[in-house]
Amino acid sequence: MNKEFNPSKTNFYRSLKFQKLESLLSKSKISVDINGLHGSSLSLLIIDLFYKTNKSIMFLCDDESEARYIYSDLVDHTHNKECLYFPSSYNKLKSHSINKDNALQREKVCESIEGENKRIYVSSANGIAEKVSKQNSNKENTIEIKFGEEYYFSEINERLFKIDYQKCDFVQSPGDFALRGRILDVFTFSNENPIRIQFDDNNIESIREFDVNTQFSIKELKEIKIKPSPTSDITVKDDCLLNLFNNEALIITKSLNTIKDLIDNFHKFDSSNYIGLDEFNSIITNKDYLINICENHSDVDIKFNKIPQPSFNKNFDLLNKNLLKFFSDGYKINIYFDSVEQSSRFDQIIEKFENKYEYKKIIKPLYKGFIDKDENNAGRYLLI
């Protein structure tokens, strides 16, 4: 027997341990060490903290692959645009080859944090170690254009070269600009889509965001700021992303000591583009709300009891026997699916076996299942 459920957002089971954690976070300043989280229990915990504490959350992970898996979970189980990923600017570790899309995403995250938008932000050690610009550090070299005002067309052209933008026939990626008559197209590192600026002599007649593929206008703008390219020698990078958050933000780290080791390593490789370990330690120490997830540490404030899901490797007979045992032991079984079609196929397969148990089908993808053993039999969960 099963019940199908397609949630608008996930609510993590509110165990007594979770309630204790939320209570600790209600204090004016707190640093909490926790462990015992496995699989996607970490993702669901972050989501519930986000909705229950009304704080922006910055999640830092030592491993980039795991950070992206966690981010994928968060995106799938929250509302639209409530999560942003903060990548490294570079194409690979210890490289100076800039990925323009990543640079655009980093700028988007910085502007969101400075605007105090309540979101969940995710990054790994190589992303957070890379320096960002303070809010006004590049103001002198930022080109500001407003609708209805006068600008010398040739002067803007010269300034774009100065801030390391590349002239081309058609804009395709951040850092490109193109001129056609009295029309300037520019793809900035602050906008998801390129901008078309139309001149009438030296007057700004219109500023429009447009689709790079169709060339159709998306919306009218009143003004635009064109910041220097991240690769430009005149771009000032002088801060850590964590300093952009206000004191109410919740910082969650996984394997903090490993993150620190990696940051120290990056700084030794390139001190001009990466923050130092002493600076990072000072920032973390002075944050009002900090949760550190320790993997192998017995002396913690809260120890959760989530254990990894067994591996079934498409052995449905083994899966069925496990589900039957967990159900008889008092577990509530939640099974996550990528699609309705996948869940229907599962029903067809499982009907071939003896399945005297109930399970809830949730049409949402989940990175990695887990078993929740925190409560008594009435509150235990199996999520796969």
Protein backbone atom coordinates (compact mmCIF):
# COMPACT_ATOMS: atom_id res chain seq x y z
CA MET A 1 0.00 0.00 0.00
CA ASN A 2 1.31 3.46 -0.79
CA LYS A 3 0.33 7.10 -0.65
CA GLU A 4 1.56 9.54 -3.28
CA PHE A 5 2.70 12.97 -2.21
CA ASN A 6 4.09 15.86 -4.24
CA PRO A 7 5.16 18.46 -1.67
CA SER A 8 5.53 22.19 -2.34
CA LYS A 9 8.34 22.23 0.20
CA THR A 10 9.95 19.71 2.48
CA ASN A 11 9.47 19.75 6.23
CA PHE A 12 12.17 17.81 8.04
CA TYR A 13 10.81 15.62 10.83
CA ARG A 14 11.02 17.82 13.90
CA SER A 15 12.72 15.53 16.40
CA LEU A 16 13.56 16.63 19.93
CA LYS A 17 17.18 17.04 18.88
CA PHE A 18 16.18 19.37 16.09
CA GLN A 19 14.03 21.38 18.48
CA LYS A 20 17.03 21.64 20.82
CA LEU A 21 19.16 22.93 17.94
CA GLU A 22 16.53 25.51 17.01
CA SER A 23 16.32 26.59 20.66
CA LEU A 24 20.09 27.10 20.81
CA LEU A 25 19.93 29.25 17.66
CA SER A 26 17.36 31.52 19.29
CA LYS A 27 20.09 32.88 21.59
CA SER A 28 21.95 36.09 20.80
CA LYS A 29 25.20 34.33 19.86
CA ILE A 30 25.94 30.64 19.62
CA SER A 31 28.42 28.17 18.14
CA VAL A 32 27.19 24.57 17.97
CA ASP A 33 28.99 21.34 17.05
CA ILE A 34 26.80 18.52 15.72
CA ASN A 35 27.29 15.16 14.04
CA GLY A 36 25.45 11.98 13.11
CA LEU A 37 23.98 13.27 9.83
CA HIS A 38 24.16 11.04 6.74
CA GLY A 39 22.86 11.16 3.20
CA SER A 40 20.33 13.87 2.48
CA SER A 41 19.44 14.35 6.14
CA LEU A 42 21.87 17.30 6.04
CA SER A 43 20.01 18.87 3.11
CA LEU A 44 16.63 18.49 4.81
CA LEU A 45 18.00 19.89 8.07
CA ILE A 46 19.31 22.99 6.26
CA ILE A 47 15.92 23.49 4.58
CA ASP A 48 14.01 23.27 7.83
CA LEU A 49 16.42 25.64 9.58
CA PHE A 50 15.93 28.10 6.71
CA TYR A 51 12.15 28.10 7.03
CA LYS A 52 11.99 27.96 10.84
CA THR A 53 14.69 30.45 11.85
CA ASN A 54 13.99 33.10 9.20
CA LYS A 55 17.74 33.54 8.63
CA SER A 56 19.90 33.52 5.53
CA ILE A 57 22.10 30.45 5.56
CA MET A 58 25.61 30.02 4.19
CA PHE A 59 26.57 26.34 3.90
CA LEU A 60 30.27 25.58 3.41
CA CYS A 61 31.57 22.14 2.50
CA ASP A 62 35.15 20.97 2.10
CA ASP A 63 34.37 18.96 -1.05
CA GLU A 64 33.00 20.68 -4.17
CA SER A 65 31.24 17.57 -5.52
CA GLU A 66 29.34 17.06 -2.28
CA ALA A 67 28.54 20.77 -2.09
CA ARG A 68 26.92 20.61 -5.53
CA TYR A 69 24.92 17.50 -4.58
CA ILE A 70 23.66 19.26 -1.46
CA TYR A 71 22.83 22.32 -3.55
CA SER A 72 20.83 20.15 -5.96
CA ASP A 73 18.83 18.76 -3.02
CA LEU A 74 18.16 22.26 -1.71
CA VAL A 75 16.97 23.55 -5.10
CA ASP A 76 14.63 20.57 -5.56
CA HIS A 77 13.03 20.99 -2.12
CA THR A 78 12.67 24.77 -1.81
CA HIS A 79 10.81 27.48 -3.65
CA ASN A 80 12.10 29.09 -6.82
CA LYS A 81 15.37 31.06 -6.51
CA GLU A 82 15.70 30.54 -2.75
CA CYS A 83 19.11 28.88 -3.21
CA LEU A 84 22.26 30.14 -4.91
CA TYR A 85 25.57 28.40 -5.50
CA PHE A 86 28.84 30.30 -5.06
CA PRO A 87 31.49 28.67 -7.29
CA SER A 88 35.14 29.39 -7.85
CA SER A 89 35.87 31.76 -10.75
CA TYR A 90 38.40 29.34 -12.14
CA ASN A 91 37.96 26.37 -14.46
CA LYS A 92 40.01 24.10 -12.21
CA LEU A 93 41.90 24.16 -8.93
CA LYS A 94 45.05 26.26 -8.79
CA SER A 95 44.41 27.72 -12.23
CA HIS A 96 44.13 31.30 -13.45
CA SER A 97 41.80 30.38 -16.30
CA ILE A 98 38.54 32.27 -15.61
CA ASN A 99 35.16 30.63 -16.20
CA LYS A 100 32.96 33.57 -17.25
CA ASP A 101 29.71 31.88 -16.21
CA ASN A 102 31.13 31.21 -12.75
CA ALA A 103 32.33 34.81 -12.47
CA LEU A 104 28.81 35.99 -13.34
CA GLN A 105 27.32 33.66 -10.72
CA ARG A 106 29.73 34.92 -8.05
CA GLU A 107 28.73 38.51 -8.77
CA LYS A 108 25.06 37.55 -8.57
CA VAL A 109 25.59 35.96 -5.15
CA CYS A 110 27.49 38.99 -3.83
CA GLU A 111 24.73 41.36 -4.94
CA SER A 112 22.08 39.12 -3.38
CA ILE A 113 23.88 39.06 -0.02
CA GLU A 114 24.54 42.81 -0.08
CA GLY A 115 20.84 43.31 -0.81
CA GLU A 116 20.10 41.23 2.33
CA ASN A 117 17.92 38.79 0.39
CA LYS A 118 17.02 35.82 2.60
CA ARG A 119 18.36 32.78 0.78
CA ILE A 120 20.38 29.61 1.22
CA TYR A 121 23.88 29.99 -0.22
CA VAL A 122 26.17 27.02 -0.86
CA SER A 123 29.89 26.93 -1.53
CA SER A 124 32.96 24.74 -1.16
CA ALA A 125 36.41 25.56 0.17
CA ASN A 126 37.78 26.68 -3.22
CA GLY A 127 34.80 29.01 -3.74
CA ILE A 128 34.86 30.70 -0.33
CA ALA A 129 38.68 30.96 -0.28
CA GLU A 130 38.70 33.17 -3.36
CA LYS A 131 38.52 36.87 -2.57
CA VAL A 132 35.57 39.07 -3.54
CA SER A 133 35.26 42.82 -3.90
CA LYS A 134 33.90 45.02 -1.16
CA GLN A 135 30.74 46.85 -2.14
CA ASN A 136 32.45 50.06 -3.30
CA SER A 137 35.97 48.84 -4.05
CA ASN A 138 35.52 49.07 -7.83
CA LYS A 139 33.21 52.09 -7.89
CA GLU A 140 35.81 54.31 -9.59
CA ASN A 141 36.09 51.88 -12.51
CA THR A 142 32.40 50.97 -12.74
CA ILE A 143 30.52 52.49 -15.67
CA GLU A 144 27.09 53.76 -14.62
CA ILE A 145 24.59 54.55 -17.37
CA LYS A 146 21.12 55.99 -16.69
CA PHE A 147 18.15 56.36 -19.00
CA GLY A 148 17.60 59.91 -20.32
CA GLU A 149 21.06 61.22 -19.44
CA GLU A 150 23.86 62.27 -21.80
CA TYR A 151 27.04 60.27 -22.40
CA TYR A 152 29.74 60.46 -25.02
CA PHE A 153 29.44 57.30 -27.08
CA SER A 154 33.17 57.17 -27.85
CA GLU A 155 34.06 57.64 -24.17
CA ILE A 156 31.98 54.60 -23.11
CA ASN A 157 33.67 52.58 -25.84
CA GLU A 158 37.12 53.53 -24.49
CA ARG A 159 36.13 52.79 -20.88
CA LEU A 160 34.89 49.31 -21.82
CA PHE A 161 38.32 48.51 -23.22
CA LYS A 162 39.90 49.90 -20.04
CA ILE A 163 37.92 47.53 -17.79
CA ASP A 164 38.97 44.61 -19.99
CA TYR A 165 35.79 43.97 -21.99
CA GLN A 166 36.25 42.41 -25.42
CA LYS A 167 34.77 43.95 -28.58
CA CYS A 168 33.08 41.46 -30.91
CA ASP A 169 30.43 41.25 -33.63
CA PHE A 170 27.77 39.77 -31.34
CA VAL A 171 27.79 39.40 -27.55
CA GLN A 172 27.77 35.79 -26.35
CA SER A 173 29.14 35.72 -22.81
CA PRO A 174 30.00 38.04 -19.91
CA GLY A 175 32.75 40.50 -20.82
CA ASP A 176 31.66 40.95 -24.47
CA PHE A 177 30.43 44.16 -26.09
CA ALA A 178 29.37 45.05 -29.65
CA LEU A 179 28.65 48.27 -31.52
CA ARG A 180 26.21 48.74 -34.39
CA GLY A 181 25.50 52.32 -35.38
CA ARG A 182 24.20 54.06 -32.24
CA ILE A 183 23.44 50.78 -30.44
CA LEU A 184 25.71 49.33 -27.78
CA ASP A 185 25.25 45.69 -26.66
CA VAL A 186 27.13 44.71 -23.52
CA PHE A 187 27.14 41.49 -21.49
CA THR A 188 28.11 42.49 -17.95
CA PHE A 189 29.24 40.36 -15.04
CA SER A 190 26.23 41.58 -13.03
CA ASN A 191 23.33 40.63 -15.31
CA GLU A 192 22.12 37.18 -16.36
CA ASN A 193 21.27 38.50 -19.84
CA PRO A 194 23.06 41.02 -22.09
CA ILE A 195 22.00 44.68 -22.19
CA ARG A 196 21.16 46.78 -25.28
CA ILE A 197 21.71 50.54 -24.94
CA GLN A 198 20.29 52.72 -27.71
CA PHE A 199 21.63 56.25 -28.22
CA ASP A 200 19.99 59.26 -29.82
CA ASP A 201 23.08 61.35 -30.47
CA ASN A 202 24.56 61.44 -26.93
CA ASN A 203 21.26 60.83 -25.11
CA ILE A 204 20.31 57.41 -23.76
CA GLU A 205 17.07 56.60 -25.57
CA SER A 206 16.53 53.13 -24.05
CA ILE A 207 18.20 50.45 -21.91
CA ARG A 208 16.87 46.95 -22.44
CA GLU A 209 17.75 43.47 -21.27
CA PHE A 210 17.53 41.01 -24.17
CA ASP A 211 17.75 37.30 -24.93
CA VAL A 212 21.15 36.37 -26.35
CA ASN A 213 19.64 33.68 -28.63
CA THR A 214 16.45 35.31 -29.95
CA GLN A 215 17.64 38.92 -29.65
CA PHE A 216 14.15 39.77 -28.31
CA SER A 217 13.84 42.32 -25.51
CA ILE A 218 13.05 40.96 -22.05
CA LYS A 219 12.49 44.14 -20.05
CA GLU A 220 13.24 47.85 -19.91
CA LEU A 221 15.80 49.14 -17.39
CA LYS A 222 16.27 52.59 -15.91
CA GLU A 223 19.99 52.22 -15.30
CA ILE A 224 22.87 49.80 -15.56
CA LYS A 225 26.22 49.36 -13.81
CA ILE A 226 29.06 47.78 -15.76
CA LYS A 227 31.70 46.50 -13.35
CA PRO A 228 35.25 45.61 -14.46
CA SER A 229 36.01 42.11 -15.69
CA PRO A 230 37.28 39.78 -12.92
CA THR A 231 40.37 39.21 -15.09
CA SER A 232 41.20 42.92 -15.28
CA ASP A 233 44.28 44.19 -13.46
CA ILE A 234 42.22 47.14 -12.16
CA THR A 235 39.64 44.89 -10.46
CA VAL A 236 40.05 45.10 -6.69
CA LYS A 237 39.44 41.90 -4.71
CA ASP A 238 39.87 42.66 -1.05
CA ASP A 239 37.37 40.74 1.07
CA CYS A 240 35.88 37.37 2.01
CA LEU A 241 32.30 36.55 1.04
CA LEU A 242 31.42 35.82 4.67
CA ASN A 243 32.01 39.46 5.56
CA LEU A 244 29.14 40.49 3.27
CA PHE A 245 26.57 38.78 5.53
CA ASN A 246 24.90 40.63 8.37
CA ASN A 247 25.15 39.33 11.94
CA GLU A 248 21.82 37.48 11.74
CA ALA A 249 23.01 35.04 9.07
CA LEU A 250 23.56 31.39 10.01
CA ILE A 251 26.87 29.87 8.87
CA ILE A 252 26.92 26.07 8.59
CA THR A 253 30.22 24.32 7.92
CA LYS A 254 30.94 20.66 7.21
CA SER A 255 34.43 19.48 8.15
CA LEU A 256 35.65 22.93 9.22
CA ASN A 257 39.22 21.82 9.91
CA THR A 258 39.56 20.42 6.39
CA ILE A 259 38.13 23.66 4.97
CA LYS A 260 40.78 25.58 6.90
CA ASP A 261 43.57 23.36 5.57
CA LEU A 262 42.38 23.89 2.01
CA ILE A 263 42.12 27.67 2.46
CA ASP A 264 45.67 27.77 3.82
CA ASN A 265 46.83 25.75 0.82
CA PHE A 266 45.10 28.07 -1.67
CA HIS A 267 46.55 31.15 0.02
CA LYS A 268 50.08 29.74 -0.20
CA PHE A 269 49.52 29.15 -3.93
CA ASP A 270 48.24 32.69 -4.63
CA SER A 271 47.94 35.18 -1.77
CA SER A 272 46.65 37.96 -4.03
CA ASN A 273 43.47 36.07 -4.99
CA TYR A 274 42.84 33.88 -1.92
CA ILE A 275 42.20 34.87 1.68
CA GLY A 276 44.62 33.81 4.40
CA LEU A 277 43.89 31.30 7.15
CA ASP A 278 44.25 33.90 9.93
CA GLU A 279 41.69 36.13 8.21
CA PHE A 280 39.27 33.23 7.78
CA ASN A 281 39.67 32.16 11.41
CA SER A 282 38.95 35.70 12.58
CA ILE A 283 35.81 35.92 10.43
CA ILE A 284 34.42 32.55 11.55
CA THR A 285 35.16 33.23 15.21
CA ASN A 286 33.22 36.49 15.11
CA LYS A 287 30.08 35.10 13.47
CA ASP A 288 27.07 35.18 15.81
CA TYR A 289 25.44 31.97 14.56
CA LEU A 290 27.66 29.06 13.62
CA ILE A 291 26.96 25.33 13.23
CA ASN A 292 29.86 22.99 12.53
CA ILE A 293 29.08 19.48 11.33
CA CYS A 294 31.82 17.18 12.59
CA GLU A 295 32.22 13.78 10.95
CA ASN A 296 34.42 11.99 13.50
CA HIS A 297 34.13 13.83 16.77
CA SER A 298 32.56 12.45 19.95
CA ASP A 299 32.51 15.68 21.97
CA VAL A 300 29.64 17.52 20.30
CA ASP A 301 26.65 19.54 21.49
CA ILE A 302 24.05 17.51 19.58
CA LYS A 303 24.51 14.03 18.16
CA PHE A 304 21.93 13.04 15.58
CA ASN A 305 21.36 9.39 14.74
CA LYS A 306 20.85 9.25 10.98
CA ILE A 307 22.56 6.30 9.34
CA PRO A 308 23.24 5.56 5.66
CA GLN A 309 20.58 3.79 3.62
CA PRO A 310 21.47 0.16 2.74
CA SER A 311 22.71 -0.42 -0.79
CA PHE A 312 20.29 -2.45 -2.92
CA ASN A 313 21.94 -2.23 -6.37
CA LYS A 314 18.63 -2.84 -8.21
CA ASN A 315 18.06 -6.03 -6.22
CA PHE A 316 14.31 -5.61 -5.73
CA ASP A 317 13.94 -8.80 -3.75
CA LEU A 318 16.44 -7.50 -1.21
CA LEU A 319 14.77 -4.09 -1.23
CA ASN A 320 11.35 -5.63 -0.60
CA LYS A 321 12.64 -7.70 2.32
CA ASN A 322 14.27 -4.60 3.84
CA LEU A 323 11.11 -2.53 3.47
CA LEU A 324 9.06 -5.28 5.10
CA LYS A 325 11.50 -5.48 8.02
CA PHE A 326 11.70 -1.71 8.52
CA PHE A 327 7.91 -1.43 8.46
CA SER A 328 7.50 -4.26 10.98
CA ASP A 329 10.08 -2.50 13.19
CA GLY A 330 7.85 0.60 13.26
CA TYR A 331 9.53 2.77 10.63
CA LYS A 332 7.61 5.16 8.40
CA ILE A 333 8.86 4.65 4.86
CA ASN A 334 9.28 7.58 2.46
CA ILE A 335 10.47 6.79 -1.06
CA TYR A 336 11.59 9.66 -3.30
CA PHE A 337 11.23 9.55 -7.10
CA ASP A 338 12.43 11.80 -9.90
CA SER A 339 9.12 11.51 -11.75
CA VAL A 340 5.60 10.06 -11.68
CA GLU A 341 6.66 7.58 -14.37
CA GLN A 342 9.49 6.31 -12.19
CA SER A 343 7.15 5.85 -9.22
CA SER A 344 4.63 3.96 -11.37
CA ARG A 345 7.36 1.65 -12.63
CA PHE A 346 8.40 1.00 -9.02
CA ASP A 347 4.81 0.03 -8.12
CA GLN A 348 4.69 -2.45 -11.00
CA ILE A 349 7.92 -4.11 -9.86
CA ILE A 350 7.15 -4.21 -6.16
CA GLU A 351 3.67 -5.71 -6.73
CA LYS A 352 5.38 -8.95 -7.78
CA PHE A 353 6.54 -9.42 -4.19
CA GLU A 354 4.83 -9.80 -0.84
CA ASN A 355 4.56 -6.17 0.24
CA LYS A 356 2.51 -5.97 3.40
CA TYR A 357 3.79 -2.53 4.30
CA GLU A 358 2.87 1.09 3.69
CA TYR A 359 5.14 3.60 2.04
CA LYS A 360 4.74 7.21 1.00
CA LYS A 361 5.82 8.17 -2.50
CA ILE A 362 7.29 11.65 -2.81
CA ILE A 363 7.75 12.97 -6.35
CA LYS A 364 10.95 14.86 -5.67
CA PRO A 365 14.54 13.73 -6.34
CA LEU A 366 16.79 13.09 -3.33
CA TYR A 367 20.58 12.91 -3.47
CA LYS A 368 21.08 10.08 -0.98
CA GLY A 369 18.68 8.18 1.29
CA PHE A 370 19.11 7.64 5.03
CA ILE A 371 17.57 5.99 8.07
CA ASP A 372 16.36 8.24 10.89
CA LYS A 373 16.87 6.43 14.20
CA ASP A 374 16.59 9.45 16.47
CA GLU A 375 13.14 8.77 17.91
CA ASN A 376 11.14 5.93 19.33
CA ASN A 377 9.37 3.55 16.94
CA ALA A 378 6.51 5.98 16.32
CA GLY A 379 8.85 8.59 14.91
CA ARG A 380 11.43 6.62 12.97
CA TYR A 381 11.81 7.24 9.26
CA LEU A 382 13.38 5.45 6.34
CA LEU A 383 14.03 7.73 3.35
CA ILE A 384 15.28 6.18 0.13
